[in-house]
């Protein structure tokens, strides 16, 4: 059986080039698509609405059918929404640094506090470049290869312009407002969750709970890795993706 095509969905504030360390470890004959989320590249789609559904729908035309969709952080939310509402596009999902709900709720403590997220959104509106670099530092925090992760993520940062600022702010709003916990049982395809044990942005417990809530979810973790294990543990991530694709 041939492998499904691979779709890599990046996280907030970074371009698809963030996947370069992982792609370098993948079989070069494996069809791989790396679309840009709205506001994250000149070629990215421009949905009318600032909602997760609108962002997901805007990507549909450029995605193959029956893919292994790998989403990281914000991209993980898009991957989940894609599987839920456009199942023909998704054969299976891999999620990295993922959570169905990135902000704490009374019954959901394994997330960022609303105060932290609101402050981050306000800081981005005032000082976008500085805020992006703070976000990178948080993603690299806790990783044994922290300096290299920081370097790699900084090279993939989106250049903030007058044209894309609003879209980037929309992405933050999607991260802060989305709660897919109640929709997880609708996702019937196989899902594999990969998480760094030292993720300072999104606690690993969120991914563990999500794996238990999915009909076919399985959790794996990377010791001494932060929010971007596909950078610091690129070879291991590539092996897991290849194994999952052939499972």
Foldseek 3Di string as FASTA:
>chain_A
DDFFAEEEEEAAQFFLCLLVLQCVQADPVRHYHYAGFALQDPPHFDFPDLELVRRLVRCVVVADFAHAYEYAELGVCSVQVCCLPPVRRYQEYEYALDFQAAEDDPVRPQHHHPVVLVVLLVCCVVPVVVSSLVVQQLQLPQAPPSVQSSVSRVVGGGDDDPVRSVVSSSSSVNNNPGHCLVVQQSRQHAYEYEYECRARHGHPVRVVVSQVSHPHYYYDYDYRGYRCCCRVVSNVVNVVVVVVSVD
